[in-house]
PDB file of N, CA and C in Angstrom:
ATOM      1  N   MET A   1     -11.893 -14.574 -55.947  1.00  0.00           N
ATOM      2  CA  MET A   1     -13.357 -14.512 -55.783  1.00  0.00           C
ATOM      3  C   MET A   1     -14.389 -13.635 -55.729  1.00  0.00           C
ATOM      4  N   LYS A   2     -15.308 -12.669 -56.079  1.00  0.00           N
ATOM      5  CA  LYS A   2     -14.964 -11.539 -54.943  1.00  0.00           C
ATOM      6  C   LYS A   2     -16.621 -11.326 -54.790  1.00  0.00           C
ATOM      7  N   LEU A   3     -16.671 -10.628 -53.697  1.00  0.00           N
ATOM      8  CA  LEU A   3     -17.330 -10.595 -52.296  1.00  0.00           C
ATOM      9  C   LEU A   3     -17.982 -10.331 -52.547  1.00  0.00           C
ATOM     10  N   CYS A   4     -19.146  -9.860 -52.616  1.00  0.00           N
ATOM     11  CA  CYS A   4     -19.907  -7.813 -51.840  1.00  0.00           C
ATOM     12  C   CYS A   4     -21.140  -8.318 -50.954  1.00  0.00           C
ATOM     13  N   HIS A   5     -20.588  -7.107 -49.588  1.00  0.00           N
ATOM     14  CA  HIS A   5     -21.572  -7.289 -48.882  1.00  0.00           C
ATOM     15  C   HIS A   5     -22.198  -6.490 -48.776  1.00  0.00           C
ATOM     16  N   LEU A   6     -23.511  -5.989 -48.681  1.00  0.00           N
ATOM     17  CA  LEU A   6     -23.773  -4.824 -48.771  1.00  0.00           C
ATOM     18  C   LEU A   6     -24.568  -4.070 -47.367  1.00  0.00           C
ATOM     19  N   GLY A   7     -24.993  -4.355 -46.235  1.00  0.00           N
ATOM     20  CA  GLY A   7     -25.179  -3.821 -45.646  1.00  0.00           C
ATOM     21  C   GLY A   7     -26.411  -3.864 -45.403  1.00  0.00           C
ATOM     22  N   ASP A   8     -26.484  -2.412 -44.439  1.00  0.00           N
ATOM     23  CA  ASP A   8     -28.200  -1.873 -44.168  1.00  0.00           C
ATOM     24  C   ASP A   8     -28.398  -1.253 -45.215  1.00  0.00           C
ATOM     25  N   ILE A   9     -28.257  -1.004 -46.375  1.00  0.00           N
ATOM     26  CA  ILE A   9     -28.194  -0.758 -48.144  1.00  0.00           C
ATOM     27  C   ILE A   9     -30.074  -0.061 -47.870  1.00  0.00           C
ATOM     28  N   GLY A  10     -29.958   1.206 -47.920  1.00  0.00           N
ATOM     29  CA  GLY A  10     -31.096   1.859 -48.632  1.00  0.00           C
ATOM     30  C   GLY A  10     -31.709   2.251 -49.923  1.00  0.00           C
ATOM     31  N   GLN A  11     -31.005   2.217 -51.019  1.00  0.00           N
ATOM     32  CA  GLN A  11     -30.750   2.899 -51.922  1.00  0.00           C
ATOM     33  C   GLN A  11     -32.335   2.002 -53.184  1.00  0.00           C
ATOM     34  N   LYS A  12     -32.682   2.190 -53.385  1.00  0.00           N
ATOM     35  CA  LYS A  12     -33.730   1.588 -54.821  1.00  0.00           C
ATOM     36  C   LYS A  12     -33.457   0.520 -55.601  1.00  0.00           C
ATOM     37  N   GLU A  13     -32.212   1.025 -55.505  1.00  0.00           N
ATOM     38  CA  GLU A  13     -30.972   1.179 -57.424  1.00  0.00           C
ATOM     39  C   GLU A  13     -29.672   1.490 -56.782  1.00  0.00           C
ATOM     40  N   LEU A  14     -28.607   0.626 -57.425  1.00  0.00           N
ATOM     41  CA  LEU A  14     -27.360   0.890 -57.671  1.00  0.00           C
ATOM     42  C   LEU A  14     -27.090   2.340 -58.628  1.00  0.00           C
ATOM     43  N   ALA A  15     -26.572   3.507 -57.988  1.00  0.00           N
ATOM     44  CA  ALA A  15     -26.112   3.735 -59.332  1.00  0.00           C
ATOM     45  C   ALA A  15     -25.224   3.266 -59.980  1.00  0.00           C
ATOM     46  N   PRO A  16     -24.395   3.720 -61.798  1.00  0.00           N
ATOM     47  CA  PRO A  16     -24.023   3.917 -63.054  1.00  0.00           C
ATOM     48  C   PRO A  16     -22.459   3.735 -62.134  1.00  0.00           C
ATOM     49  N   ASP A  17     -21.956   4.360 -60.832  1.00  0.00           N
ATOM     50  CA  ASP A  17     -20.509   4.408 -60.263  1.00  0.00           C
ATOM     51  C   ASP A  17     -20.471   3.691 -59.690  1.00  0.00           C
ATOM     52  N   GLN A  18     -21.454   2.983 -58.337  1.00  0.00           N
ATOM     53  CA  GLN A  18     -21.369   1.995 -57.816  1.00  0.00           C
ATOM     54  C   GLN A  18     -21.222   0.747 -58.575  1.00  0.00           C
ATOM     55  N   LEU A  19     -21.976   0.807 -59.549  1.00  0.00           N
ATOM     56  CA  LEU A  19     -22.024  -0.744 -59.722  1.00  0.00           C
ATOM     57  C   LEU A  19     -20.880  -1.367 -61.183  1.00  0.00           C
ATOM     58  N   GLU A  20     -20.508  -0.090 -60.664  1.00  0.00           N
ATOM     59  CA  GLU A  20     -18.493   0.287 -61.982  1.00  0.00           C
ATOM     60  C   GLU A  20     -17.632  -0.856 -60.796  1.00  0.00           C
ATOM     61  N   LYS A  21     -17.768  -0.514 -59.534  1.00  0.00           N
ATOM     62  CA  LYS A  21     -17.131   0.054 -58.266  1.00  0.00           C
ATOM     63  C   LYS A  21     -17.285  -1.543 -58.071  1.00  0.00           C
ATOM     64  N   ILE A  22     -18.507  -2.243 -58.292  1.00  0.00           N
ATOM     65  CA  ILE A  22     -18.932  -3.252 -57.751  1.00  0.00           C
ATOM     66  C   ILE A  22     -17.865  -4.713 -58.910  1.00  0.00           C
ATOM     67  N   ASN A  23     -18.641  -4.135 -59.519  1.00  0.00           N
ATOM     68  CA  ASN A  23     -18.209  -5.334 -60.961  1.00  0.00           C
ATOM     69  C   ASN A  23     -17.703  -6.574 -60.744  1.00  0.00           C
ATOM     70  N   ASN A  24     -18.550  -7.544 -61.617  1.00  0.00           N
ATOM     71  CA  ASN A  24     -18.076  -8.841 -61.704  1.00  0.00           C
ATOM     72  C   ASN A  24     -18.270  -9.868 -60.194  1.00  0.00           C
ATOM     73  N   ILE A  25     -19.193  -9.116 -59.372  1.00  0.00           N
ATOM     74  CA  ILE A  25     -19.223  -9.403 -58.141  1.00  0.00           C
ATOM     75  C   ILE A  25     -19.524 -11.161 -58.143  1.00  0.00           C
ATOM     76  N   ASP A  26     -19.048 -12.337 -57.762  1.00  0.00           N
ATOM     77  CA  ASP A  26     -19.555 -13.648 -57.570  1.00  0.00           C
ATOM     78  C   ASP A  26     -20.366 -14.458 -56.741  1.00  0.00           C
ATOM     79  N   ILE A  27     -20.397 -13.032 -54.817  1.00  0.00           N
ATOM     80  CA  ILE A  27     -21.198 -13.690 -53.884  1.00  0.00           C
ATOM     81  C   ILE A  27     -21.052 -12.497 -53.269  1.00  0.00           C
ATOM     82  N   LEU A  28     -22.855 -11.676 -53.219  1.00  0.00           N
ATOM     83  CA  LEU A  28     -23.278 -10.727 -53.456  1.00  0.00           C
ATOM     84  C   LEU A  28     -24.437 -11.117 -51.670  1.00  0.00           C
ATOM     85  N   MET A  29     -24.242 -10.718 -50.825  1.00  0.00           N
ATOM     86  CA  MET A  29     -24.987 -10.993 -49.278  1.00  0.00           C
ATOM     87  C   MET A  29     -25.558  -9.296 -49.718  1.00  0.00           C
ATOM     88  N   ILE A  30     -27.063 -10.335 -49.503  1.00  0.00           N
ATOM     89  CA  ILE A  30     -27.913  -8.882 -49.619  1.00  0.00           C
ATOM     90  C   ILE A  30     -28.653  -8.558 -48.226  1.00  0.00           C
ATOM     91  N   PRO A  31     -29.153  -7.771 -47.847  1.00  0.00           N
ATOM     92  CA  PRO A  31     -30.576  -7.764 -46.886  1.00  0.00           C
ATOM     93  C   PRO A  31     -31.982  -7.270 -47.863  1.00  0.00           C
ATOM     94  N   ILE A  32     -32.760  -8.248 -47.410  1.00  0.00           N
ATOM     95  CA  ILE A  32     -33.901  -8.473 -47.999  1.00  0.00           C
ATOM     96  C   ILE A  32     -35.852  -8.156 -46.537  1.00  0.00           C
ATOM     97  N   GLY A  33     -34.594  -8.300 -45.460  1.00  0.00           N
ATOM     98  CA  GLY A  33     -36.435  -7.628 -44.810  1.00  0.00           C
ATOM     99  C   GLY A  33     -36.278  -6.815 -44.265  1.00  0.00           C
ATOM    100  N   GLY A  34     -36.447  -5.827 -45.107  1.00  0.00           N
ATOM    101  CA  GLY A  34     -37.336  -4.808 -44.868  1.00  0.00           C
ATOM    102  C   GLY A  34     -37.564  -4.121 -43.736  1.00  0.00           C
ATOM    103  N   VAL A  35     -37.715  -2.675 -42.727  1.00  0.00           N
ATOM    104  CA  VAL A  35     -37.238  -2.291 -41.476  1.00  0.00           C
ATOM    105  C   VAL A  35     -36.086  -1.573 -41.932  1.00  0.00           C
ATOM    106  N   TYR A  36     -35.761  -0.824 -41.444  1.00  0.00           N
ATOM    107  CA  TYR A  36     -34.268  -0.143 -42.229  1.00  0.00           C
ATOM    108  C   TYR A  36     -33.061  -0.088 -43.367  1.00  0.00           C
ATOM    109  N   THR A  37     -33.369  -1.770 -43.510  1.00  0.00           N
ATOM    110  CA  THR A  37     -32.880  -1.416 -44.946  1.00  0.00           C
ATOM    111  C   THR A  37     -34.051  -1.972 -45.933  1.00  0.00           C
ATOM    112  N   ILE A  38     -33.392  -2.284 -46.913  1.00  0.00           N
ATOM    113  CA  ILE A  38     -34.607  -2.496 -48.265  1.00  0.00           C
ATOM    114  C   ILE A  38     -34.954  -4.338 -48.421  1.00  0.00           C
ATOM    115  N   ASP A  39     -36.501  -4.230 -48.611  1.00  0.00           N
ATOM    116  CA  ASP A  39     -36.943  -5.291 -48.515  1.00  0.00           C
ATOM    117  C   ASP A  39     -36.589  -6.182 -50.137  1.00  0.00           C
ATOM    118  N   SER A  40     -37.772  -7.108 -50.634  1.00  0.00           N
ATOM    119  CA  SER A  40     -37.592  -8.334 -51.128  1.00  0.00           C
ATOM    120  C   SER A  40     -37.444  -7.955 -52.504  1.00  0.00           C
ATOM    121  N   LYS A  41     -38.482  -7.078 -52.784  1.00  0.00           N
ATOM    122  CA  LYS A  41     -38.405  -6.643 -54.462  1.00  0.00           C
ATOM    123  C   LYS A  41     -37.779  -4.998 -54.518  1.00  0.00           C
ATOM    124  N   THR A  42     -37.217  -4.853 -53.608  1.00  0.00           N
ATOM    125  CA  THR A  42     -35.809  -3.470 -53.785  1.00  0.00           C
ATOM    126  C   THR A  42     -34.557  -4.835 -53.948  1.00  0.00           C
ATOM    127  N   ALA A  43     -34.106  -6.084 -52.838  1.00  0.00           N
ATOM    128  CA  ALA A  43     -33.083  -6.397 -53.278  1.00  0.00           C
ATOM    129  C   ALA A  43     -33.236  -7.693 -54.589  1.00  0.00           C
ATOM    130  N   ALA A  44     -34.084  -7.818 -54.764  1.00  0.00           N
ATOM    131  CA  ALA A  44     -34.768  -8.797 -56.304  1.00  0.00           C
ATOM    132  C   ALA A  44     -34.069  -7.411 -57.477  1.00  0.00           C
ATOM    133  N   LYS A  45     -34.519  -5.851 -57.408  1.00  0.00           N
ATOM    134  CA  LYS A  45     -34.471  -5.120 -58.520  1.00  0.00           C
ATOM    135  C   LYS A  45     -32.088  -5.335 -58.674  1.00  0.00           C
ATOM    136  N   ILE A  46     -32.321  -4.538 -57.065  1.00  0.00           N
ATOM    137  CA  ILE A  46     -30.301  -4.538 -56.764  1.00  0.00           C
ATOM    138  C   ILE A  46     -29.099  -5.702 -57.187  1.00  0.00           C
ATOM    139  N   ILE A  47     -30.070  -6.849 -57.002  1.00  0.00           N
ATOM    140  CA  ILE A  47     -29.453  -8.278 -58.128  1.00  0.00           C
ATOM    141  C   ILE A  47     -29.520  -8.154 -59.049  1.00  0.00           C
ATOM    142  N   SER A  48     -30.252  -7.735 -60.259  1.00  0.00           N
ATOM    143  CA  SER A  48     -30.392  -8.125 -60.776  1.00  0.00           C
ATOM    144  C   SER A  48     -29.462  -6.936 -61.906  1.00  0.00           C
ATOM    145  N   GLN A  49     -29.393  -6.239 -61.210  1.00  0.00           N
ATOM    146  CA  GLN A  49     -28.267  -5.590 -61.936  1.00  0.00           C
ATOM    147  C   GLN A  49     -26.806  -5.186 -61.434  1.00  0.00           C
ATOM    148  N   ILE A  50     -26.726  -6.026 -60.650  1.00  0.00           N
ATOM    149  CA  ILE A  50     -25.200  -6.921 -60.416  1.00  0.00           C
ATOM    150  C   ILE A  50     -24.939  -8.316 -60.421  1.00  0.00           C
ATOM    151  N   GLU A  51     -25.380  -9.039 -61.104  1.00  0.00           N
ATOM    152  CA  GLU A  51     -26.561 -10.405 -61.015  1.00  0.00           C
ATOM    153  C   GLU A  51     -24.663 -11.868 -61.299  1.00  0.00           C
ATOM    154  N   PRO A  52     -24.925 -11.731 -58.994  1.00  0.00           N
ATOM    155  CA  PRO A  52     -23.312 -12.344 -58.776  1.00  0.00           C
ATOM    156  C   PRO A  52     -24.197 -13.875 -59.719  1.00  0.00           C
ATOM    157  N   LYS A  53     -22.925 -14.820 -59.124  1.00  0.00           N
ATOM    158  CA  LYS A  53     -23.491 -16.487 -58.878  1.00  0.00           C
ATOM    159  C   LYS A  53     -23.716 -17.051 -58.055  1.00  0.00           C
ATOM    160  N   ILE A  54     -23.793 -16.336 -56.995  1.00  0.00           N
ATOM    161  CA  ILE A  54     -24.186 -17.260 -55.585  1.00  0.00           C
ATOM    162  C   ILE A  54     -25.127 -15.604 -54.958  1.00  0.00           C
ATOM    163  N   ILE A  55     -26.128 -15.996 -53.879  1.00  0.00           N
ATOM    164  CA  ILE A  55     -26.865 -14.395 -53.656  1.00  0.00           C
ATOM    165  C   ILE A  55     -26.970 -15.404 -52.046  1.00  0.00           C
ATOM    166  N   ILE A  56     -26.286 -14.761 -51.223  1.00  0.00           N
ATOM    167  CA  ILE A  56     -27.079 -15.170 -49.991  1.00  0.00           C
ATOM    168  C   ILE A  56     -27.573 -14.029 -49.260  1.00  0.00           C
ATOM    169  N   PRO A  57     -29.134 -14.226 -49.039  1.00  0.00           N
ATOM    170  CA  PRO A  57     -29.759 -13.280 -47.666  1.00  0.00           C
ATOM    171  C   PRO A  57     -29.676 -12.659 -46.067  1.00  0.00           C
ATOM    172  N   MET A  58     -30.382 -11.674 -46.051  1.00  0.00           N
ATOM    173  CA  MET A  58     -29.686 -11.171 -44.928  1.00  0.00           C
ATOM    174  C   MET A  58     -30.215 -10.420 -44.173  1.00  0.00           C
ATOM    175  N   HIS A  59     -30.838 -10.190 -43.194  1.00  0.00           N
ATOM    176  CA  HIS A  59     -31.442  -9.221 -42.113  1.00  0.00           C
ATOM    177  C   HIS A  59     -33.426  -9.760 -43.034  1.00  0.00           C
ATOM    178  N   TYR A  60     -33.578 -11.244 -41.949  1.00  0.00           N
ATOM    179  CA  TYR A  60     -34.731 -10.917 -42.635  1.00  0.00           C
ATOM    180  C   TYR A  60     -35.254 -12.321 -41.219  1.00  0.00           C
ATOM    181  N   GLN A  61     -36.026 -11.615 -41.607  1.00  0.00           N
ATOM    182  CA  GLN A  61     -37.478 -12.601 -40.522  1.00  0.00           C
ATOM    183  C   GLN A  61     -36.052 -14.049 -39.888  1.00  0.00           C
ATOM    184  N   ILE A  62     -36.201 -14.119 -38.779  1.00  0.00           N
ATOM    185  CA  ILE A  62     -36.218 -15.280 -38.021  1.00  0.00           C
ATOM    186  C   ILE A  62     -36.682 -16.557 -37.060  1.00  0.00           C
ATOM    187  N   PRO A  63     -37.201 -17.743 -36.752  1.00  0.00           N
ATOM    188  CA  PRO A  63     -37.629 -17.855 -35.410  1.00  0.00           C
ATOM    189  C   PRO A  63     -37.938 -17.246 -33.778  1.00  0.00           C
ATOM    190  N   LYS A  64     -38.540 -16.255 -33.546  1.00  0.00           N
ATOM    191  CA  LYS A  64     -37.627 -15.613 -31.798  1.00  0.00           C
ATOM    192  C   LYS A  64     -37.742 -13.986 -31.781  1.00  0.00           C
ATOM    193  N   LEU A  65     -37.916 -13.800 -33.314  1.00  0.00           N
ATOM    194  CA  LEU A  65     -36.821 -12.046 -33.639  1.00  0.00           C
ATOM    195  C   LEU A  65     -37.820 -11.467 -33.035  1.00  0.00           C
ATOM    196  N   LYS A  66     -38.287 -10.559 -32.140  1.00  0.00           N
ATOM    197  CA  LYS A  66     -38.799  -9.581 -31.758  1.00  0.00           C
ATOM    198  C   LYS A  66     -39.245  -8.679 -33.236  1.00  0.00           C
ATOM    199  N   LEU A  67     -38.108  -8.438 -33.876  1.00  0.00           N
ATOM    200  CA  LEU A  67     -39.186  -6.476 -35.306  1.00  0.00           C
ATOM    201  C   LEU A  67     -39.282  -7.732 -36.245  1.00  0.00           C
ATOM    202  N   LYS A  68     -40.538  -7.061 -35.888  1.00  0.00           N
ATOM    203  CA  LYS A  68     -41.364  -7.540 -37.752  1.00  0.00           C
ATOM    204  C   LYS A  68     -40.617  -7.456 -38.832  1.00  0.00           C
ATOM    205  N   LEU A  69     -39.621  -8.255 -39.491  1.00  0.00           N
ATOM    206  CA  LEU A  69     -39.214  -8.298 -40.745  1.00  0.00           C
ATOM    207  C   LEU A  69     -39.625  -9.271 -42.203  1.00  0.00           C
ATOM    208  N   GLU A  70     -39.377  -9.260 -43.372  1.00  0.00           N
ATOM    209  CA  GLU A  70     -40.269 -10.156 -44.239  1.00  0.00           C
ATOM    210  C   GLU A  70     -39.625 -11.059 -43.825  1.00  0.00           C
ATOM    211  N   GLY A  71     -39.871 -12.954 -44.742  1.00  0.00           N
ATOM    212  CA  GLY A  71     -38.754 -13.715 -44.561  1.00  0.00           C
ATOM    213  C   GLY A  71     -38.163 -13.960 -45.367  1.00  0.00           C
ATOM    214  N   VAL A  72     -37.472 -15.075 -45.176  1.00  0.00           N
ATOM    215  CA  VAL A  72     -36.828 -15.842 -46.833  1.00  0.00           C
ATOM    216  C   VAL A  72     -37.495 -16.316 -47.805  1.00  0.00           C
ATOM    217  N   ASP A  73     -38.631 -16.691 -47.207  1.00  0.00           N
ATOM    218  CA  ASP A  73     -39.701 -17.522 -48.190  1.00  0.00           C
ATOM    219  C   ASP A  73     -40.316 -16.323 -49.169  1.00  0.00           C
ATOM    220  N   LYS A  74     -41.042 -15.167 -48.906  1.00  0.00           N
ATOM    221  CA  LYS A  74     -40.821 -13.972 -49.352  1.00  0.00           C
ATOM    222  C   LYS A  74     -39.958 -13.995 -50.616  1.00  0.00           C
ATOM    223  N   PHE A  75     -38.794 -13.518 -50.403  1.00  0.00           N
ATOM    224  CA  PHE A  75     -37.946 -12.957 -50.979  1.00  0.00           C
ATOM    225  C   PHE A  75     -37.970 -14.327 -52.342  1.00  0.00           C
ATOM    226  N   LEU A  76     -37.333 -15.303 -51.992  1.00  0.00           N
ATOM    227  CA  LEU A  76     -37.380 -16.112 -52.655  1.00  0.00           C
ATOM    228  C   LEU A  76     -38.787 -16.208 -53.400  1.00  0.00           C
ATOM    229  N   LYS A  77     -40.123 -16.165 -53.508  1.00  0.00           N
ATOM    230  CA  LYS A  77     -41.231 -16.109 -54.142  1.00  0.00           C
ATOM    231  C   LYS A  77     -40.726 -14.988 -55.173  1.00  0.00           C
ATOM    232  N   VAL A  78     -40.353 -13.514 -54.593  1.00  0.00           N
ATOM    233  CA  VAL A  78     -39.782 -12.297 -55.523  1.00  0.00           C
ATOM    234  C   VAL A  78     -38.537 -13.458 -56.590  1.00  0.00           C
ATOM    235  N   MET A  79     -38.042 -14.434 -56.174  1.00  0.00           N
ATOM    236  CA  MET A  79     -36.633 -14.375 -56.841  1.00  0.00           C
ATOM    237  C   MET A  79     -37.009 -15.977 -58.364  1.00  0.00           C
ATOM    238  N   GLY A  80     -38.202 -16.072 -57.798  1.00  0.00           N
ATOM    239  CA  GLY A  80     -38.433 -17.092 -58.977  1.00  0.00           C
ATOM    240  C   GLY A  80     -37.742 -18.637 -58.195  1.00  0.00           C
ATOM    241  N   MET A  81     -38.000 -18.299 -57.610  1.00  0.00           N
ATOM    242  CA  MET A  81     -37.173 -19.358 -56.431  1.00  0.00           C
ATOM    243  C   MET A  81     -37.903 -20.687 -55.605  1.00  0.00           C
ATOM    244  N   LYS A  82     -37.299 -21.829 -55.390  1.00  0.00           N
ATOM    245  CA  LYS A  82     -38.120 -23.076 -54.632  1.00  0.00           C
ATOM    246  C   LYS A  82     -37.420 -22.790 -53.277  1.00  0.00           C
ATOM    247  N   ARG A  83     -37.517 -22.914 -52.194  1.00  0.00           N
ATOM    248  CA  ARG A  83     -35.987 -23.026 -51.118  1.00  0.00           C
ATOM    249  C   ARG A  83     -35.065 -24.092 -51.713  1.00  0.00           C
ATOM    250  N   PRO A  84     -33.770 -23.625 -51.000  1.00  0.00           N
ATOM    251  CA  PRO A  84     -33.158 -24.010 -51.334  1.00  0.00           C
ATOM    252  C   PRO A  84     -32.607 -24.671 -50.537  1.00  0.00           C
ATOM    253  N   GLU A  85     -32.415 -25.910 -50.055  1.00  0.00           N
ATOM    254  CA  GLU A  85     -31.461 -25.842 -48.674  1.00  0.00           C
ATOM    255  C   GLU A  85     -30.621 -24.922 -47.695  1.00  0.00           C
ATOM    256  N   THR A  86     -30.640 -25.167 -46.230  1.00  0.00           N
ATOM    257  CA  THR A  86     -29.965 -24.024 -45.211  1.00  0.00           C
ATOM    258  C   THR A  86     -28.581 -24.848 -44.711  1.00  0.00           C
ATOM    259  N   LEU A  87     -27.367 -24.461 -45.161  1.00  0.00           N
ATOM    260  CA  LEU A  87     -26.555 -24.633 -44.910  1.00  0.00           C
ATOM    261  C   LEU A  87     -26.295 -24.164 -43.871  1.00  0.00           C
ATOM    262  N   ASN A  88     -25.532 -24.659 -42.978  1.00  0.00           N
ATOM    263  CA  ASN A  88     -24.263 -24.156 -41.983  1.00  0.00           C
ATOM    264  C   ASN A  88     -23.465 -23.670 -42.121  1.00  0.00           C
ATOM    265  N   LYS A  89     -22.683 -23.464 -43.161  1.00  0.00           N
ATOM    266  CA  LYS A  89     -21.972 -22.007 -43.740  1.00  0.00           C
ATOM    267  C   LYS A  89     -21.186 -23.344 -45.155  1.00  0.00           C
ATOM    268  N   LEU A  90     -19.748 -21.966 -45.651  1.00  0.00           N
ATOM    269  CA  LEU A  90     -20.547 -22.392 -46.718  1.00  0.00           C
ATOM    270  C   LEU A  90     -18.935 -22.810 -47.868  1.00  0.00           C
ATOM    271  N   LEU A  91     -19.015 -23.298 -48.121  1.00  0.00           N
ATOM    272  CA  LEU A  91     -18.205 -23.742 -47.978  1.00  0.00           C
ATOM    273  C   LEU A  91     -17.456 -23.920 -50.074  1.00  0.00           C
ATOM    274  N   ILE A  92     -17.259 -23.362 -51.192  1.00  0.00           N
ATOM    275  CA  ILE A  92     -16.994 -22.936 -51.766  1.00  0.00           C
ATOM    276  C   ILE A  92     -15.586 -21.872 -52.829  1.00  0.00           C
ATOM    277  N   LYS A  93     -15.383 -22.763 -54.004  1.00  0.00           N
ATOM    278  CA  LYS A  93     -14.200 -22.862 -54.194  1.00  0.00           C
ATOM    279  C   LYS A  93     -14.424 -22.116 -55.646  1.00  0.00           C
ATOM    280  N   LYS A  94     -13.727 -21.457 -56.596  1.00  0.00           N
ATOM    281  CA  LYS A  94     -13.899 -20.342 -57.743  1.00  0.00           C
ATOM    282  C   LYS A  94     -14.185 -21.282 -58.814  1.00  0.00           C
ATOM    283  N   LYS A  95     -13.620 -22.309 -58.998  1.00  0.00           N
ATOM    284  CA  LYS A  95     -13.233 -23.780 -60.177  1.00  0.00           C
ATOM    285  C   LYS A  95     -15.137 -24.092 -59.335  1.00  0.00           C
ATOM    286  N   ASP A  96     -16.068 -24.145 -58.401  1.00  0.00           N
ATOM    287  CA  ASP A  96     -17.449 -23.989 -58.324  1.00  0.00           C
ATOM    288  C   ASP A  96     -18.121 -23.654 -58.046  1.00  0.00           C
ATOM    289  N   LEU A  97     -17.919 -21.857 -58.941  1.00  0.00           N
ATOM    290  CA  LEU A  97     -19.044 -21.288 -58.954  1.00  0.00           C
ATOM    291  C   LEU A  97     -19.749 -21.465 -60.531  1.00  0.00           C
ATOM    292  N   SER A  98     -20.609 -21.333 -60.768  1.00  0.00           N
ATOM    293  CA  SER A  98     -21.868 -22.767 -62.369  1.00  0.00           C
ATOM    294  C   SER A  98     -21.603 -20.464 -62.589  1.00  0.00           C
ATOM    295  N   GLU A  99     -21.308 -21.290 -64.133  1.00  0.00           N
ATOM    296  CA  GLU A  99     -21.653 -19.461 -65.512  1.00  0.00           C
ATOM    297  C   GLU A  99     -23.052 -19.622 -65.631  1.00  0.00           C
ATOM    298  N   GLU A 100     -23.878 -21.177 -65.623  1.00  0.00           N
ATOM    299  CA  GLU A 100     -25.207 -21.123 -65.665  1.00  0.00           C
ATOM    300  C   GLU A 100     -26.495 -19.839 -64.729  1.00  0.00           C
ATOM    301  N   GLY A 101     -26.413 -19.435 -64.450  1.00  0.00           N
ATOM    302  CA  GLY A 101     -27.858 -17.933 -63.842  1.00  0.00           C
ATOM    303  C   GLY A 101     -26.852 -18.374 -62.121  1.00  0.00           C
ATOM    304  N   MET A 102     -27.402 -17.807 -61.727  1.00  0.00           N
ATOM    305  CA  MET A 102     -27.940 -17.035 -59.703  1.00  0.00           C
ATOM    306  C   MET A 102     -28.262 -18.909 -58.900  1.00  0.00           C
ATOM    307  N   LYS A 103     -27.475 -18.322 -57.993  1.00  0.00           N
ATOM    308  CA  LYS A 103     -27.718 -19.961 -56.911  1.00  0.00           C
ATOM    309  C   LYS A 103     -28.094 -18.934 -55.297  1.00  0.00           C
ATOM    310  N   VAL A 104     -29.287 -19.225 -54.733  1.00  0.00           N
ATOM    311  CA  VAL A 104     -29.569 -18.364 -53.258  1.00  0.00           C
ATOM    312  C   VAL A 104     -29.168 -19.863 -52.632  1.00  0.00           C
ATOM    313  N   VAL A 105     -28.156 -19.150 -51.543  1.00  0.00           N
ATOM    314  CA  VAL A 105     -27.649 -20.132 -50.502  1.00  0.00           C
ATOM    315  C   VAL A 105     -28.182 -19.749 -49.367  1.00  0.00           C
ATOM    316  N   VAL A 106     -28.957 -20.411 -48.499  1.00  0.00           N
ATOM    317  CA  VAL A 106     -29.904 -19.739 -47.313  1.00  0.00           C
ATOM    318  C   VAL A 106     -28.634 -19.861 -46.108  1.00  0.00           C
ATOM    319  N   LEU A 107     -28.239 -19.683 -45.272  1.00  0.00           N
ATOM    320  CA  LEU A 107     -27.943 -19.704 -43.986  1.00  0.00           C
ATOM    321  C   LEU A 107     -27.769 -20.302 -42.986  1.00  0.00           C
ATOM    322  N   LYS A 108     -27.757 -21.016 -41.494  1.00  0.00           N
ATOM    323  CA  LYS A 108     -28.059 -20.781 -40.602  1.00  0.00           C
ATOM    324  C   LYS A 108     -28.082 -20.003 -39.898  1.00  0.00           C
ATOM    325  N   PRO A 109     -29.290 -19.526 -38.944  1.00  0.00           N
ATOM    326  CA  PRO A 109     -27.978 -17.956 -38.202  1.00  0.00           C
ATOM    327  C   PRO A 109     -27.344 -19.027 -36.705  1.00  0.00           C
TER     328      PRO A 109
END
């Protein structure tokens, strides 16, 4: 499996050479909350460039966080998806990856 962690990326989209280097990503971890990094709309644009099988949103508003970030619900709305079950951990095997589009996995903080 190929995983990609975009960290605190600040780009509006990926350059062709970047896409070539991270080609065929299975699982993408991408910030979505804005403030110091990209927001939900920009994340959706980058996700459409990469087309991963599984998306794990990160860097978003959670209870008791004093920094005001966008929440995961805003991201899901932008992506046109319903809120999935929140998991404690993700355990997946290559054979379990779907070829039928993207899936969002929300992990408990």
